[in-house]
Protein backbone atom coordinates (compact mmCIF):
# COMPACT_ATOMS: atom_id res chain seq x y z
CA UNK A 1 0.00 0.00 0.00
CA UNK A 2 1.21 3.47 -0.85
CA UNK A 3 2.00 5.94 1.88
CA UNK A 4 -1.15 7.98 2.52
CA UNK A 5 0.64 11.23 1.65
CA UNK A 6 1.14 9.93 -1.89
CA UNK A 7 -2.59 9.36 -2.38
CA UNK A 8 -4.27 11.98 -4.56
CA UNK A 9 -7.49 11.65 -2.57
CA UNK A 10 -5.64 12.43 0.66
CA UNK A 11 -3.92 15.45 -0.95
CA UNK A 12 -7.22 16.76 -2.34
CA UNK A 13 -8.95 16.30 0.98
CA UNK A 14 -6.21 18.22 2.82
CA UNK A 15 -6.62 21.05 0.30
CA UNK A 16 -10.38 20.86 0.90
CA UNK A 17 -9.88 21.26 4.67
CA UNK A 18 -7.76 24.35 4.03
CA UNK A 19 -10.54 25.84 1.88
CA UNK A 20 -13.18 25.01 4.48
CA UNK A 21 -11.18 26.79 7.18
CA UNK A 22 -10.83 29.88 4.97
CA UNK A 23 -14.50 30.07 4.07
CA UNK A 24 -15.87 29.28 7.53
CA UNK A 25 -13.73 32.04 9.01
CA UNK A 26 -16.44 34.47 7.92
CA UNK A 27 -19.28 32.55 9.64
CA UNK A 28 -21.09 34.51 12.38
CA UNK A 29 -19.44 34.59 15.82
CA UNK A 30 -22.39 32.73 17.35
CA UNK A 31 -21.57 29.77 15.08
CA UNK A 32 -18.08 29.34 16.54
CA UNK A 33 -19.21 26.31 18.57
CA UNK A 34 -22.07 25.36 16.24
CA UNK A 35 -22.07 24.81 12.50
CA UNK A 36 -18.60 26.35 12.03
CA UNK A 37 -17.05 23.86 14.44
CA UNK A 38 -19.05 20.93 13.06
CA UNK A 39 -18.16 21.63 9.44
CA UNK A 40 -14.49 22.00 10.29
CA UNK A 41 -14.41 18.76 12.28
CA UNK A 42 -16.17 16.84 9.48
CA UNK A 43 -13.71 18.16 6.91
CA UNK A 44 -10.68 17.25 9.04
CA UNK A 45 -12.13 13.76 9.53
CA UNK A 46 -11.80 12.98 5.81
CA UNK A 47 -7.99 13.04 5.38
CA UNK A 48 -7.45 11.94 8.98
CA UNK A 49 -9.36 8.69 8.47
CA UNK A 50 -7.62 8.06 5.15
CA UNK A 51 -4.26 8.39 6.94
CA UNK A 52 -5.28 6.29 9.94
CA UNK A 53 -6.72 3.50 7.81
CA UNK A 54 -3.66 3.43 5.58
CA UNK A 55 -1.39 3.24 8.62
CA UNK A 56 -3.22 0.19 9.99
CA UNK A 57 -1.70 -1.93 7.18
CA UNK A 58 -4.72 -4.26 7.11
CA UNK A 59 -7.05 -4.16 4.10
CA UNK A 60 -10.28 -4.65 6.09
CA UNK A 61 -9.29 -1.89 8.54
CA UNK A 62 -8.22 0.38 5.69
CA UNK A 63 -11.52 -0.10 3.87
CA UNK A 64 -13.46 0.60 7.09
CA UNK A 65 -11.61 3.89 7.65
CA UNK A 66 -12.14 4.86 4.00
CA UNK A 67 -15.87 4.25 4.49
CA UNK A 68 -15.78 6.53 7.53
CA UNK A 69 -14.11 9.19 5.34
CA UNK A 70 -16.84 8.70 2.75
CA UNK A 71 -19.45 9.15 5.49
CA UNK A 72 -17.77 12.40 6.47
CA UNK A 73 -18.12 13.51 2.83
CA UNK A 74 -21.90 13.00 3.06
CA UNK A 75 -21.89 14.92 6.34
CA UNK A 76 -19.99 17.73 4.60
CA UNK A 77 -22.49 17.86 1.72
CA UNK A 78 -25.29 18.26 4.26
CA UNK A 79 -23.46 20.95 6.21
CA UNK A 80 -22.63 22.86 3.01
CA UNK A 81 -26.32 22.90 2.06
CA UNK A 82 -27.25 24.16 5.52
CA UNK A 83 -24.53 26.83 5.35
CA UNK A 84 -25.81 27.99 1.95
CA UNK A 85 -29.43 28.01 3.15
CA UNK A 86 -28.43 30.18 6.11
CA UNK A 87 -26.54 32.49 3.73
CA UNK A 88 -23.21 31.76 5.43
CA UNK A 89 -21.85 30.71 2.02
CA UNK A 90 -22.72 32.40 -1.24
CA UNK A 91 -23.87 30.27 -4.18
CA UNK A 92 -20.54 30.38 -6.04
CA UNK A 93 -18.50 29.22 -3.04
CA UNK A 94 -21.10 26.58 -2.18
CA UNK A 95 -21.01 25.16 -5.72
CA UNK A 96 -17.20 24.97 -5.73
CA UNK A 97 -16.98 23.31 -2.32
CA UNK A 98 -19.82 20.92 -3.13
CA UNK A 99 -18.14 19.93 -6.40
CA UNK A 100 -14.89 19.32 -4.51
CA UNK A 101 -16.51 17.10 -1.87
CA UNK A 102 -18.36 15.07 -4.51
CA UNK A 103 -15.06 14.51 -6.34
CA UNK A 104 -13.36 13.40 -3.12
CA UNK A 105 -16.24 11.04 -2.38
CA UNK A 106 -15.97 9.49 -5.84
CA UNK A 107 -12.22 9.07 -5.40
CA UNK A 108 -12.84 7.31 -2.08
CA UNK A 109 -15.35 5.00 -3.78
CA UNK A 110 -12.72 4.12 -6.38
CA UNK A 111 -10.09 3.43 -3.74
CA UNK A 112 -12.50 1.30 -1.71
CA UNK A 113 -13.46 -0.70 -4.79
CA UNK A 114 -9.81 -1.24 -5.73
CA UNK A 115 -9.08 -2.69 -2.27
CA UNK A 116 -11.97 -5.17 -2.30
């Protein structure tokens, strides 16, 4: 198995986390411990679980952690919709972030399928 840092899906998900932190910085102060915190934690979960699963060096464990990452992608999609609906994200930013998370999710699906 390749080192997790060499995986394109891990690299893209780290870039995604960086973008999420930038865009959620403008969320209202009262969301610091609400949606802002939740969306940041969900985004960080994606590359973190890819790395942890890869480091386990067992295919079943790796696949399970990749599925957790994929679940965090679905959580992110939901939180992005909520953020847009509350006007914390404008449409253009929402569309870009949503496209990114869908791409990451598809990449995770491909990696999971290749390990089965």
